Amino acid sequence: MISLIIPSYNNLQHLKNVYASIQKHAPEAEVILLDDGSTDGTWEWMQQVEIEANNKTRIQKSEERVGHTI
């Protein structure tokens, strides 16, 4: 099985596009979405995706921005 980890910070539209592409081209992949303290609705969208994905997508949220270097 392939697992893809997708971090995001305030880039909801791009994240939606990436997720749709993964679902189209690699529907068997496990997707792990990471919200790095976004304020643009990313977390709310991720929660909805997790409900609809039937255990194929997991989500994680950071309460504050930690960035990719941490």
PDB file of N, CA and C in Angstrom:
ATOM      1  N   MET A   1       0.835  -1.175   0.000  1.00  0.00           N
ATOM      2  CA  MET A   1       0.000   0.000   0.000  1.00  0.00           C
ATOM      3  C   MET A   1       0.883   1.243   0.000  1.00  0.00           C
ATOM      4  N   ILE A   2       0.442   2.248  -0.686  1.00  0.00           N
ATOM      5  CA  ILE A   2       1.128   3.532  -0.741  1.00  0.00           C
ATOM      6  C   ILE A   2       0.464   4.483   0.253  1.00  0.00           C
ATOM      7  N   SER A   3       1.277   5.173   1.045  1.00  0.00           N
ATOM      8  CA  SER A   3       0.775   6.207   1.946  1.00  0.00           C
ATOM      9  C   SER A   3       1.361   7.538   1.514  1.00  0.00           C
ATOM     10  N   LEU A   4       0.498   8.530   1.369  1.00  0.00           N
ATOM     11  CA  LEU A   4       0.923   9.867   0.984  1.00  0.00           C
ATOM     12  C   LEU A   4       0.617  10.830   2.118  1.00  0.00           C
ATOM     13  N   ILE A   5       1.620  11.599   2.527  1.00  0.00           N
ATOM     14  CA  ILE A   5       1.457  12.590   3.583  1.00  0.00           C
ATOM     15  C   ILE A   5       1.460  13.962   2.924  1.00  0.00           C
ATOM     16  N   ILE A   6       0.367  14.707   3.117  1.00  0.00           N
ATOM     17  CA  ILE A   6       0.200  16.004   2.468  1.00  0.00           C
ATOM     18  C   ILE A   6       0.054  17.089   3.535  1.00  0.00           C
ATOM     19  N   PRO A   7       1.125  17.871   3.778  1.00  0.00           N
ATOM     20  CA  PRO A   7       1.010  18.995   4.714  1.00  0.00           C
ATOM     21  C   PRO A   7       0.420  20.212   4.008  1.00  0.00           C
ATOM     22  N   SER A   8      -0.256  21.061   4.765  1.00  0.00           N
ATOM     23  CA  SER A   8      -0.834  22.258   4.174  1.00  0.00           C
ATOM     24  C   SER A   8      -0.924  23.369   5.202  1.00  0.00           C
ATOM     25  N   TYR A   9      -0.736  24.584   4.716  1.00  0.00           N
ATOM     26  CA  TYR A   9      -0.923  25.775   5.538  1.00  0.00           C
ATOM     27  C   TYR A   9      -1.575  26.856   4.678  1.00  0.00           C
ATOM     28  N   ASN A  10      -2.833  27.148   4.967  1.00  0.00           N
ATOM     29  CA  ASN A  10      -3.587  28.197   4.277  1.00  0.00           C
ATOM     30  C   ASN A  10      -3.497  28.102   2.752  1.00  0.00           C
ATOM     31  N   ASN A  11      -3.671  26.910   2.244  1.00  0.00           N
ATOM     32  CA  ASN A  11      -3.634  26.707   0.805  1.00  0.00           C
ATOM     33  C   ASN A  11      -4.738  25.725   0.419  1.00  0.00           C
ATOM     34  N   LEU A  12      -5.942  26.003   0.857  1.00  0.00           N
ATOM     35  CA  LEU A  12      -7.057  25.072   0.729  1.00  0.00           C
ATOM     36  C   LEU A  12      -7.354  24.692  -0.715  1.00  0.00           C
ATOM     37  N   GLN A  13      -7.395  25.633  -1.628  1.00  0.00           N
ATOM     38  CA  GLN A  13      -7.739  25.293  -3.013  1.00  0.00           C
ATOM     39  C   GLN A  13      -6.711  24.342  -3.617  1.00  0.00           C
ATOM     40  N   HIS A  14      -5.441  24.593  -3.361  1.00  0.00           N
ATOM     41  CA  HIS A  14      -4.393  23.699  -3.869  1.00  0.00           C
ATOM     42  C   HIS A  14      -4.531  22.309  -3.236  1.00  0.00           C
ATOM     43  N   LEU A  15      -4.802  22.263  -1.958  1.00  0.00           N
ATOM     44  CA  LEU A  15      -4.979  20.990  -1.262  1.00  0.00           C
ATOM     45  C   LEU A  15      -6.147  20.201  -1.855  1.00  0.00           C
ATOM     46  N   LYS A  16      -7.241  20.875  -2.143  1.00  0.00           N
ATOM     47  CA  LYS A  16      -8.390  20.207  -2.769  1.00  0.00           C
ATOM     48  C   LYS A  16      -8.002  19.620  -4.124  1.00  0.00           C
ATOM     49  N   ASN A  17      -7.238  20.371  -4.914  1.00  0.00           N
ATOM     50  CA  ASN A  17      -6.796  19.886  -6.221  1.00  0.00           C
ATOM     51  C   ASN A  17      -5.886  18.667  -6.093  1.00  0.00           C
ATOM     52  N   VAL A  18      -4.947  18.725  -5.157  1.00  0.00           N
ATOM     53  CA  VAL A  18      -4.034  17.601  -4.930  1.00  0.00           C
ATOM     54  C   VAL A  18      -4.823  16.366  -4.502  1.00  0.00           C
ATOM     55  N   TYR A  19      -5.750  16.551  -3.582  1.00  0.00           N
ATOM     56  CA  TYR A  19      -6.537  15.424  -3.081  1.00  0.00           C
ATOM     57  C   TYR A  19      -7.379  14.807  -4.207  1.00  0.00           C
ATOM     58  N   ALA A  20      -7.994  15.632  -5.019  1.00  0.00           N
ATOM     59  CA  ALA A  20      -8.800  15.125  -6.140  1.00  0.00           C
ATOM     60  C   ALA A  20      -7.928  14.347  -7.120  1.00  0.00           C
ATOM     61  N   SER A  21      -6.733  14.828  -7.379  1.00  0.00           N
ATOM     62  CA  SER A  21      -5.816  14.141  -8.282  1.00  0.00           C
ATOM     63  C   SER A  21      -5.395  12.779  -7.726  1.00  0.00           C
ATOM     64  N   ILE A  22      -5.126  12.736  -6.438  1.00  0.00           N
ATOM     65  CA  ILE A  22      -4.766  11.461  -5.806  1.00  0.00           C
ATOM     66  C   ILE A  22      -5.927  10.479  -5.919  1.00  0.00           C
ATOM     67  N   GLN A  23      -7.127  10.946  -5.653  1.00  0.00           N
ATOM     68  CA  GLN A  23      -8.294  10.065  -5.728  1.00  0.00           C
ATOM     69  C   GLN A  23      -8.515   9.549  -7.148  1.00  0.00           C
ATOM     70  N   LYS A  24      -8.187  10.359  -8.128  1.00  0.00           N
ATOM     71  CA  LYS A  24      -8.360   9.960  -9.531  1.00  0.00           C
ATOM     72  C   LYS A  24      -7.281   8.978  -9.985  1.00  0.00           C
ATOM     73  N   HIS A  25      -6.025   9.253  -9.632  1.00  0.00           N
ATOM     74  CA  HIS A  25      -4.904   8.490 -10.171  1.00  0.00           C
ATOM     75  C   HIS A  25      -4.367   7.399  -9.248  1.00  0.00           C
ATOM     76  N   ALA A  26      -4.663   7.480  -7.965  1.00  0.00           N
ATOM     77  CA  ALA A  26      -4.182   6.467  -7.008  1.00  0.00           C
ATOM     78  C   ALA A  26      -5.237   6.244  -5.933  1.00  0.00           C
ATOM     79  N   PRO A  27      -6.427   5.804  -6.319  1.00  0.00           N
ATOM     80  CA  PRO A  27      -7.518   5.679  -5.347  1.00  0.00           C
ATOM     81  C   PRO A  27      -7.258   4.673  -4.225  1.00  0.00           C
ATOM     82  N   GLU A  28      -6.305   3.784  -4.429  1.00  0.00           N
ATOM     83  CA  GLU A  28      -5.995   2.797  -3.395  1.00  0.00           C
ATOM     84  C   GLU A  28      -5.040   3.339  -2.332  1.00  0.00           C
ATOM     85  N   ALA A  29      -4.468   4.505  -2.547  1.00  0.00           N
ATOM     86  CA  ALA A  29      -3.483   5.075  -1.627  1.00  0.00           C
ATOM     87  C   ALA A  29      -4.133   5.555  -0.335  1.00  0.00           C
ATOM     88  N   GLU A  30      -3.407   5.367   0.754  1.00  0.00           N
ATOM     89  CA  GLU A  30      -3.792   5.961   2.033  1.00  0.00           C
ATOM     90  C   GLU A  30      -3.308   7.410   2.005  1.00  0.00           C
ATOM     91  N   VAL A  31      -4.165   8.336   2.405  1.00  0.00           N
ATOM     92  CA  VAL A  31      -3.805   9.757   2.398  1.00  0.00           C
ATOM     93  C   VAL A  31      -3.841  10.272   3.833  1.00  0.00           C
ATOM     94  N   ILE A  32      -2.768  10.931   4.222  1.00  0.00           N
ATOM     95  CA  ILE A  32      -2.681  11.558   5.543  1.00  0.00           C
ATOM     96  C   ILE A  32      -2.548  13.059   5.308  1.00  0.00           C
ATOM     97  N   LEU A  33      -3.557  13.800   5.738  1.00  0.00           N
ATOM     98  CA  LEU A  33      -3.582  15.250   5.557  1.00  0.00           C
ATOM     99  C   LEU A  33      -3.174  15.931   6.862  1.00  0.00           C
ATOM    100  N   LEU A  34      -2.240  16.858   6.773  1.00  0.00           N
ATOM    101  CA  LEU A  34      -1.750  17.572   7.947  1.00  0.00           C
ATOM    102  C   LEU A  34      -2.057  19.056   7.810  1.00  0.00           C
ATOM    103  N   ASP A  35      -2.786  19.595   8.765  1.00  0.00           N
ATOM    104  CA  ASP A  35      -3.082  21.033   8.789  1.00  0.00           C
ATOM    105  C   ASP A  35      -2.121  21.698   9.755  1.00  0.00           C
ATOM    106  N   ASP A  36      -1.339  22.633   9.241  1.00  0.00           N
ATOM    107  CA  ASP A  36      -0.318  23.311  10.033  1.00  0.00           C
ATOM    108  C   ASP A  36      -0.826  24.651  10.572  1.00  0.00           C
ATOM    109  N   GLY A  37      -1.977  24.605  11.245  1.00  0.00           N
ATOM    110  CA  GLY A  37      -2.517  25.806  11.870  1.00  0.00           C
ATOM    111  C   GLY A  37      -3.204  26.757  10.908  1.00  0.00           C
ATOM    112  N   SER A  38      -3.770  26.244   9.840  1.00  0.00           N
ATOM    113  CA  SER A  38      -4.433  27.084   8.836  1.00  0.00           C
ATOM    114  C   SER A  38      -5.618  27.846   9.418  1.00  0.00           C
ATOM    115  N   THR A  39      -5.924  28.971   8.772  1.00  0.00           N
ATOM    116  CA  THR A  39      -7.072  29.781   9.167  1.00  0.00           C
ATOM    117  C   THR A  39      -8.030  30.000   7.994  1.00  0.00           C
ATOM    118  N   ASP A  40      -7.883  29.209   6.938  1.00  0.00           N
ATOM    119  CA  ASP A  40      -8.665  29.404   5.711  1.00  0.00           C
ATOM    120  C   ASP A  40      -9.749  28.351   5.485  1.00  0.00           C
ATOM    121  N   GLY A  41     -10.087  27.575   6.525  1.00  0.00           N
ATOM    122  CA  GLY A  41     -11.107  26.546   6.381  1.00  0.00           C
ATOM    123  C   GLY A  41     -10.549  25.173   6.057  1.00  0.00           C
ATOM    124  N   THR A  42      -9.225  25.059   6.025  1.00  0.00           N
ATOM    125  CA  THR A  42      -8.588  23.779   5.705  1.00  0.00           C
ATOM    126  C   THR A  42      -9.023  22.687   6.670  1.00  0.00           C
ATOM    127  N   TRP A  43      -9.006  22.952   7.967  1.00  0.00           N
ATOM    128  CA  TRP A  43      -9.332  21.924   8.951  1.00  0.00           C
ATOM    129  C   TRP A  43     -10.776  21.441   8.800  1.00  0.00           C
ATOM    130  N   GLU A  44     -11.683  22.347   8.581  1.00  0.00           N
ATOM    131  CA  GLU A  44     -13.089  21.972   8.427  1.00  0.00           C
ATOM    132  C   GLU A  44     -13.275  21.099   7.173  1.00  0.00           C
ATOM    133  N   TRP A  45     -12.589  21.448   6.093  1.00  0.00           N
ATOM    134  CA  TRP A  45     -12.657  20.643   4.877  1.00  0.00           C
ATOM    135  C   TRP A  45     -12.064  19.256   5.122  1.00  0.00           C
ATOM    136  N   MET A  46     -10.923  19.203   5.820  1.00  0.00           N
ATOM    137  CA  MET A  46     -10.292  17.915   6.127  1.00  0.00           C
ATOM    138  C   MET A  46     -11.221  17.022   6.943  1.00  0.00           C
ATOM    139  N   GLN A  47     -11.924  17.603   7.902  1.00  0.00           N
ATOM    140  CA  GLN A  47     -12.843  16.809   8.719  1.00  0.00           C
ATOM    141  C   GLN A  47     -13.939  16.184   7.851  1.00  0.00           C
ATOM    142  N   GLN A  48     -14.449  16.941   6.906  1.00  0.00           N
ATOM    143  CA  GLN A  48     -15.479  16.418   6.014  1.00  0.00           C
ATOM    144  C   GLN A  48     -14.918  15.308   5.126  1.00  0.00           C
ATOM    145  N   VAL A  49     -13.718  15.496   4.618  1.00  0.00           N
ATOM    146  CA  VAL A  49     -13.072  14.484   3.779  1.00  0.00           C
ATOM    147  C   VAL A  49     -12.883  13.191   4.562  1.00  0.00           C
ATOM    148  N   GLU A  50     -12.449  13.308   5.810  1.00  0.00           N
ATOM    149  CA  GLU A  50     -12.212  12.116   6.631  1.00  0.00           C
ATOM    150  C   GLU A  50     -13.499  11.327   6.810  1.00  0.00           C
ATOM    151  N   ILE A  51     -14.602  12.006   7.026  1.00  0.00           N
ATOM    152  CA  ILE A  51     -15.893  11.337   7.189  1.00  0.00           C
ATOM    153  C   ILE A  51     -16.270  10.597   5.907  1.00  0.00           C
ATOM    154  N   GLU A  52     -16.069  11.239   4.767  1.00  0.00           N
ATOM    155  CA  GLU A  52     -16.480  10.669   3.485  1.00  0.00           C
ATOM    156  C   GLU A  52     -15.531   9.600   2.956  1.00  0.00           C
ATOM    157  N   ALA A  53     -14.311   9.531   3.462  1.00  0.00           N
ATOM    158  CA  ALA A  53     -13.277   8.663   2.897  1.00  0.00           C
ATOM    159  C   ALA A  53     -13.302   7.227   3.414  1.00  0.00           C
ATOM    160  N   ASN A  54     -14.130   6.916   4.376  1.00  0.00           N
ATOM    161  CA  ASN A  54     -14.233   5.543   4.878  1.00  0.00           C
ATOM    162  C   ASN A  54     -12.889   4.942   5.285  1.00  0.00           C
ATOM    163  N   ASN A  55     -12.183   5.627   6.166  1.00  0.00           N
ATOM    164  CA  ASN A  55     -10.924   5.147   6.743  1.00  0.00           C
ATOM    165  C   ASN A  55      -9.748   5.114   5.775  1.00  0.00           C
ATOM    166  N   LYS A  56      -9.852   5.698   4.598  1.00  0.00           N
ATOM    167  CA  LYS A  56      -8.715   5.748   3.674  1.00  0.00           C
ATOM    168  C   LYS A  56      -7.964   7.066   3.795  1.00  0.00           C
ATOM    169  N   THR A  57      -8.534   8.004   4.514  1.00  0.00           N
ATOM    170  CA  THR A  57      -7.875   9.290   4.716  1.00  0.00           C
ATOM    171  C   THR A  57      -7.858   9.591   6.210  1.00  0.00           C
ATOM    172  N   ARG A  58      -6.677   9.965   6.699  1.00  0.00           N
ATOM    173  CA  ARG A  58      -6.542  10.363   8.101  1.00  0.00           C
ATOM    174  C   ARG A  58      -6.141  11.824   8.142  1.00  0.00           C
ATOM    175  N   ILE A  59      -6.486  12.490   9.225  1.00  0.00           N
ATOM    176  CA  ILE A  59      -6.167  13.911   9.350  1.00  0.00           C
ATOM    177  C   ILE A  59      -5.480  14.188  10.681  1.00  0.00           C
ATOM    178  N   GLN A  60      -4.693  15.244  10.682  1.00  0.00           N
ATOM    179  CA  GLN A  60      -3.995  15.676  11.893  1.00  0.00           C
ATOM    180  C   GLN A  60      -3.915  17.189  11.857  1.00  0.00           C
ATOM    181  N   LYS A  61      -4.069  17.820  13.004  1.00  0.00           N
ATOM    182  CA  LYS A  61      -4.046  19.280  13.071  1.00  0.00           C
ATOM    183  C   LYS A  61      -3.041  19.764  14.105  1.00  0.00           C
ATOM    184  N   SER A  62      -2.297  20.790  13.722  1.00  0.00           N
ATOM    185  CA  SER A  62      -1.445  21.508  14.645  1.00  0.00           C
ATOM    186  C   SER A  62      -2.185  22.785  15.002  1.00  0.00           C
ATOM    187  N   GLU A  63      -2.279  23.101  16.266  1.00  0.00           N
ATOM    188  CA  GLU A  63      -3.004  24.296  16.700  1.00  0.00           C
ATOM    189  C   GLU A  63      -2.293  25.588  16.317  1.00  0.00           C
ATOM    190  N   GLU A  64      -0.984  25.511  16.098  1.00  0.00           N
ATOM    191  CA  GLU A  64      -0.232  26.694  15.703  1.00  0.00           C
ATOM    192  C   GLU A  64       0.721  26.317  14.581  1.00  0.00           C
ATOM    193  N   ARG A  65       1.146  27.303  13.848  1.00  0.00           N
ATOM    194  CA  ARG A  65       2.050  27.084  12.716  1.00  0.00           C
ATOM    195  C   ARG A  65       3.393  26.611  13.233  1.00  0.00           C
ATOM    196  N   VAL A  66       3.828  25.449  12.757  1.00  0.00           N
ATOM    197  CA  VAL A  66       5.143  24.949  13.141  1.00  0.00           C
ATOM    198  C   VAL A  66       6.096  24.881  11.960  1.00  0.00           C
ATOM    199  N   GLY A  67       5.583  24.927  10.750  1.00  0.00           N
ATOM    200  CA  GLY A  67       6.424  24.962   9.563  1.00  0.00           C
ATOM    201  C   GLY A  67       7.076  23.640   9.236  1.00  0.00           C
ATOM    202  N   HIS A  68       7.612  23.547   8.052  1.00  0.00           N
ATOM    203  CA  HIS A  68       8.184  22.285   7.594  1.00  0.00           C
ATOM    204  C   HIS A  68       9.561  22.000   8.181  1.00  0.00           C
ATOM    205  N   THR A  69      10.220  22.966   8.750  1.00  0.00           N
ATOM    206  CA  THR A  69      11.572  22.732   9.256  1.00  0.00           C
ATOM    207  C   THR A  69      11.597  22.205  10.690  1.00  0.00           C
ATOM    208  N   ILE A  70      10.446  22.180  11.334  1.00  0.00           N
ATOM    209  CA  ILE A  70      10.436  21.750  12.742  1.00  0.00           C
ATOM    210  C   ILE A  70      10.294  20.266  12.862  1.00  0.00           C
TER     211      ILE A  70
END
